[in-house]
């Protein structure tokens, strides 16, 4: 496991998974439009952990509270990556 400032980053077969971030000081910025996982800011692409997309970053279920820049909320109900795991920051 290697830290890259986005909570923890797990590298497997050159794919990075953004792991739920507790919001501790010293962490990289998380995108303000998403709650539940630390969705990285200023990356090219973020996809859902449920297997869709080609990464390079993957996140679990998130609440979409602003512009959905990464198109994680495909049915526009305010919840992105609905079939992915819920992170510890999820606020039901």
N, C-alpha and C. Protein backbone atom coordinates (compact mmCIF):
# COMPACT_ATOMS: atom_id res chain seq x y z
N UNK A 1 0.84 -1.17 0.00
CA UNK A 1 0.00 0.00 0.00
C UNK A 1 0.89 1.23 0.00
N UNK A 2 0.53 2.22 -0.79
CA UNK A 2 1.33 3.42 -0.92
C UNK A 2 0.42 4.63 -0.80
N UNK A 3 0.81 5.60 -0.02
CA UNK A 3 0.00 6.79 0.15
C UNK A 3 0.32 7.80 -0.92
N UNK A 4 -0.73 8.36 -1.50
CA UNK A 4 -0.54 9.39 -2.52
C UNK A 4 -1.38 10.61 -2.17
N UNK A 5 -1.74 10.74 -0.90
CA UNK A 5 -2.48 11.91 -0.47
C UNK A 5 -3.97 11.81 -0.69
N UNK A 6 -4.50 10.68 -1.09
CA UNK A 6 -5.93 10.52 -1.30
C UNK A 6 -6.39 9.41 -0.36
N UNK A 7 -6.34 9.67 0.94
CA UNK A 7 -6.54 8.58 1.89
C UNK A 7 -5.42 7.62 1.64
N UNK A 8 -5.72 6.41 1.31
CA UNK A 8 -4.72 5.44 0.91
C UNK A 8 -5.02 5.03 -0.51
N UNK A 9 -4.02 4.69 -1.24
CA UNK A 9 -4.18 4.23 -2.61
C UNK A 9 -3.72 2.78 -2.64
N UNK A 10 -4.56 1.90 -3.11
CA UNK A 10 -4.22 0.50 -3.24
C UNK A 10 -3.90 0.26 -4.70
N UNK A 11 -2.69 -0.22 -4.97
CA UNK A 11 -2.28 -0.46 -6.34
C UNK A 11 -2.35 -1.95 -6.64
N UNK A 12 -3.11 -2.29 -7.65
CA UNK A 12 -3.21 -3.68 -8.08
C UNK A 12 -3.33 -3.68 -9.59
N UNK A 13 -2.41 -4.32 -10.26
CA UNK A 13 -2.40 -4.38 -11.71
C UNK A 13 -2.50 -2.99 -12.31
N UNK A 14 -1.77 -2.05 -11.76
CA UNK A 14 -1.69 -0.66 -12.19
C UNK A 14 -3.03 0.07 -12.19
N UNK A 15 -3.91 -0.30 -11.27
CA UNK A 15 -5.19 0.38 -11.09
C UNK A 15 -5.21 0.94 -9.69
N UNK A 16 -5.60 2.18 -9.51
CA UNK A 16 -5.64 2.82 -8.19
C UNK A 16 -7.06 2.89 -7.69
N UNK A 17 -7.25 2.49 -6.43
CA UNK A 17 -8.57 2.56 -5.80
C UNK A 17 -8.50 3.63 -4.73
N UNK A 18 -9.32 4.64 -4.84
CA UNK A 18 -9.38 5.68 -3.81
C UNK A 18 -10.13 5.10 -2.63
N UNK A 19 -9.45 4.97 -1.51
CA UNK A 19 -10.02 4.34 -0.33
C UNK A 19 -10.71 5.41 0.51
N UNK A 20 -11.82 5.06 1.21
CA UNK A 20 -12.51 6.06 2.03
C UNK A 20 -11.53 6.83 2.90
N UNK A 21 -11.71 8.13 2.94
CA UNK A 21 -10.80 9.02 3.66
C UNK A 21 -11.51 9.57 4.87
N UNK A 22 -10.84 9.55 6.00
CA UNK A 22 -11.43 10.06 7.23
C UNK A 22 -11.39 11.57 7.30
N UNK A 23 -10.75 12.21 6.34
CA UNK A 23 -10.64 13.66 6.34
C UNK A 23 -9.54 14.17 7.24
N UNK A 24 -8.61 13.31 7.59
CA UNK A 24 -7.51 13.71 8.48
C UNK A 24 -6.66 14.78 7.83
N UNK A 25 -6.08 15.62 8.64
CA UNK A 25 -5.20 16.67 8.12
C UNK A 25 -4.04 16.04 7.37
N UNK A 26 -3.55 16.76 6.39
CA UNK A 26 -2.43 16.27 5.61
C UNK A 26 -2.86 15.44 4.41
N UNK A 27 -4.14 15.19 4.25
CA UNK A 27 -4.62 14.42 3.12
C UNK A 27 -4.85 15.34 1.93
N UNK A 28 -4.83 14.78 0.73
CA UNK A 28 -5.10 15.56 -0.47
C UNK A 28 -6.56 16.00 -0.46
N UNK A 29 -6.85 16.97 -1.28
CA UNK A 29 -8.21 17.47 -1.37
C UNK A 29 -9.14 16.42 -1.97
N UNK A 30 -10.34 16.38 -1.43
CA UNK A 30 -11.38 15.53 -1.97
C UNK A 30 -12.37 16.42 -2.72
N UNK A 31 -12.94 15.90 -3.78
CA UNK A 31 -13.87 16.66 -4.60
C UNK A 31 -15.10 17.01 -3.77
N UNK A 32 -15.48 18.27 -3.75
CA UNK A 32 -16.59 18.74 -2.91
C UNK A 32 -17.96 18.28 -3.39
N UNK A 33 -18.06 17.76 -4.61
CA UNK A 33 -19.35 17.32 -5.15
C UNK A 33 -19.74 15.93 -4.68
N UNK A 34 -18.82 15.23 -4.01
CA UNK A 34 -19.07 13.83 -3.63
C UNK A 34 -18.84 13.62 -2.15
N UNK A 35 -19.78 12.90 -1.51
CA UNK A 35 -19.69 12.58 -0.08
C UNK A 35 -19.77 11.07 0.06
N UNK A 36 -18.91 10.50 0.89
CA UNK A 36 -18.93 9.06 1.14
C UNK A 36 -17.58 8.42 0.90
N UNK A 37 -16.90 8.87 -0.12
CA UNK A 37 -15.55 8.46 -0.44
C UNK A 37 -14.78 9.72 -0.79
N UNK A 38 -13.49 9.69 -0.64
CA UNK A 38 -12.67 10.81 -1.07
C UNK A 38 -12.44 10.66 -2.57
N UNK A 39 -13.25 11.37 -3.34
CA UNK A 39 -13.09 11.36 -4.79
C UNK A 39 -12.01 12.39 -5.10
N UNK A 40 -10.91 11.97 -5.73
CA UNK A 40 -9.79 12.89 -5.94
C UNK A 40 -10.17 14.06 -6.84
N UNK A 41 -9.52 15.18 -6.60
CA UNK A 41 -9.71 16.38 -7.39
C UNK A 41 -8.64 16.42 -8.49
N UNK A 42 -9.01 16.94 -9.62
CA UNK A 42 -8.06 17.17 -10.72
C UNK A 42 -7.39 15.89 -11.23
N UNK A 43 -8.18 14.82 -11.37
CA UNK A 43 -7.69 13.63 -12.05
C UNK A 43 -8.52 13.47 -13.33
N UNK A 44 -7.99 12.75 -14.27
CA UNK A 44 -8.64 12.63 -15.57
C UNK A 44 -9.96 11.87 -15.51
N UNK A 45 -10.01 10.77 -14.73
CA UNK A 45 -11.20 9.93 -14.72
C UNK A 45 -11.34 9.22 -13.38
N UNK A 46 -12.57 9.05 -12.93
CA UNK A 46 -12.91 8.27 -11.74
C UNK A 46 -14.09 7.41 -12.11
N UNK A 47 -14.04 6.12 -11.76
CA UNK A 47 -15.11 5.19 -12.06
C UNK A 47 -15.56 4.47 -10.79
N UNK A 48 -16.64 3.72 -10.90
CA UNK A 48 -17.21 2.99 -9.77
C UNK A 48 -16.53 1.65 -9.55
N UNK A 49 -16.43 1.25 -8.27
CA UNK A 49 -15.81 -0.02 -7.90
C UNK A 49 -16.58 -1.24 -8.40
N UNK A 50 -17.83 -1.06 -8.80
CA UNK A 50 -18.66 -2.20 -9.18
C UNK A 50 -18.26 -2.83 -10.51
N UNK A 51 -17.18 -2.35 -11.11
CA UNK A 51 -16.66 -2.99 -12.31
C UNK A 51 -16.84 -2.19 -13.58
N UNK A 52 -17.63 -1.14 -13.56
CA UNK A 52 -17.81 -0.34 -14.76
C UNK A 52 -16.66 0.64 -14.93
N UNK A 53 -16.32 0.94 -16.14
CA UNK A 53 -15.32 1.95 -16.42
C UNK A 53 -13.91 1.39 -16.47
N UNK A 54 -13.01 2.27 -16.89
CA UNK A 54 -11.63 1.84 -17.09
C UNK A 54 -10.65 2.59 -16.20
N UNK A 55 -11.17 3.26 -15.15
CA UNK A 55 -10.29 3.92 -14.18
C UNK A 55 -9.59 5.12 -14.77
N UNK A 56 -8.48 5.50 -14.24
CA UNK A 56 -7.58 4.76 -13.35
C UNK A 56 -7.97 4.81 -11.87
N UNK A 57 -8.89 5.69 -11.45
CA UNK A 57 -9.32 5.75 -10.06
C UNK A 57 -10.71 5.16 -9.93
N UNK A 58 -10.95 4.43 -8.82
CA UNK A 58 -12.24 3.81 -8.57
C UNK A 58 -12.72 4.18 -7.18
N UNK A 59 -14.04 4.42 -7.03
CA UNK A 59 -14.63 4.74 -5.73
C UNK A 59 -15.89 3.93 -5.53
N UNK A 60 -16.32 3.85 -4.25
CA UNK A 60 -17.57 3.19 -3.91
C UNK A 60 -18.74 4.16 -3.97
N UNK A 61 -19.86 3.76 -3.36
CA UNK A 61 -21.08 4.57 -3.40
C UNK A 61 -20.84 5.95 -2.81
N UNK A 62 -21.29 6.97 -3.51
CA UNK A 62 -21.14 8.35 -3.07
C UNK A 62 -22.47 9.09 -3.21
N UNK A 63 -22.66 10.09 -2.34
CA UNK A 63 -23.78 11.01 -2.51
C UNK A 63 -23.25 12.15 -3.36
N UNK A 64 -23.99 12.49 -4.40
CA UNK A 64 -23.58 13.56 -5.31
C UNK A 64 -24.31 14.83 -4.87
N UNK A 65 -23.53 15.81 -4.39
CA UNK A 65 -24.11 17.03 -3.81
C UNK A 65 -23.76 18.28 -4.62
N UNK A 66 -23.14 18.10 -5.76
CA UNK A 66 -22.76 19.21 -6.63
C UNK A 66 -22.64 18.70 -8.05
N UNK A 67 -21.98 19.45 -8.91
CA UNK A 67 -21.81 19.00 -10.30
C UNK A 67 -21.12 17.63 -10.36
N UNK A 68 -21.70 16.72 -11.11
CA UNK A 68 -21.20 15.35 -11.22
C UNK A 68 -20.17 15.27 -12.35
N UNK A 69 -18.99 15.80 -12.10
CA UNK A 69 -17.95 15.89 -13.13
C UNK A 69 -17.50 14.54 -13.67
N UNK A 70 -17.61 13.49 -12.85
CA UNK A 70 -17.15 12.17 -13.28
C UNK A 70 -18.30 11.26 -13.71
N UNK A 71 -19.52 11.80 -13.78
CA UNK A 71 -20.70 11.06 -14.24
C UNK A 71 -20.90 9.75 -13.48
N UNK A 72 -20.81 9.83 -12.15
CA UNK A 72 -20.98 8.64 -11.30
C UNK A 72 -22.45 8.37 -10.99
N UNK A 73 -23.31 9.39 -11.13
CA UNK A 73 -24.74 9.25 -10.85
C UNK A 73 -25.49 9.10 -12.17
N UNK A 74 -25.55 7.88 -12.68
CA UNK A 74 -26.10 7.65 -14.01
C UNK A 74 -27.60 7.82 -14.11
N UNK A 75 -28.33 7.71 -12.98
CA UNK A 75 -29.79 7.88 -13.05
C UNK A 75 -30.25 9.20 -12.41
N UNK A 76 -29.31 10.06 -12.07
CA UNK A 76 -29.57 11.42 -11.60
C UNK A 76 -30.44 11.49 -10.33
N UNK A 77 -30.26 10.51 -9.43
CA UNK A 77 -31.03 10.51 -8.18
C UNK A 77 -30.22 11.01 -6.99
N UNK A 78 -29.02 11.50 -7.23
CA UNK A 78 -28.18 12.04 -6.17
C UNK A 78 -27.26 11.01 -5.53
N UNK A 79 -27.29 9.77 -6.02
CA UNK A 79 -26.41 8.72 -5.50
C UNK A 79 -25.61 8.16 -6.66
N UNK A 80 -24.28 8.22 -6.52
CA UNK A 80 -23.40 7.69 -7.55
C UNK A 80 -22.86 6.33 -7.15
N UNK A 81 -22.55 5.52 -8.12
CA UNK A 81 -21.98 4.18 -7.89
C UNK A 81 -22.88 3.36 -6.96
N UNK A 82 -24.15 3.31 -7.26
CA UNK A 82 -25.14 2.71 -6.36
C UNK A 82 -24.90 1.25 -6.03
N UNK A 83 -24.28 0.49 -6.91
CA UNK A 83 -24.06 -0.93 -6.64
C UNK A 83 -22.68 -1.21 -6.05
N UNK A 84 -21.94 -0.15 -5.75
CA UNK A 84 -20.60 -0.28 -5.17
C UNK A 84 -20.68 -0.26 -3.64
N UNK A 85 -19.60 -0.67 -2.95
CA UNK A 85 -19.58 -0.65 -1.49
C UNK A 85 -19.78 0.76 -0.92
N UNK A 86 -20.39 0.81 0.24
CA UNK A 86 -20.59 2.08 0.95
C UNK A 86 -19.35 2.37 1.77
N UNK A 87 -18.84 3.58 1.69
CA UNK A 87 -17.67 3.99 2.47
C UNK A 87 -18.08 4.45 3.86
N UNK A 88 -17.11 4.57 4.77
CA UNK A 88 -17.41 4.97 6.15
C UNK A 88 -17.89 6.41 6.26
N UNK A 89 -17.74 7.21 5.22
CA UNK A 89 -18.20 8.60 5.27
C UNK A 89 -19.60 8.73 4.72
N UNK A 90 -20.23 7.63 4.36
CA UNK A 90 -21.59 7.65 3.78
C UNK A 90 -22.57 8.23 4.78
N UNK A 91 -23.37 9.15 4.31
CA UNK A 91 -24.41 9.74 5.14
C UNK A 91 -25.75 9.45 4.49
N UNK A 92 -26.43 8.36 4.93
CA UNK A 92 -27.66 7.89 4.33
C UNK A 92 -28.72 8.87 4.29
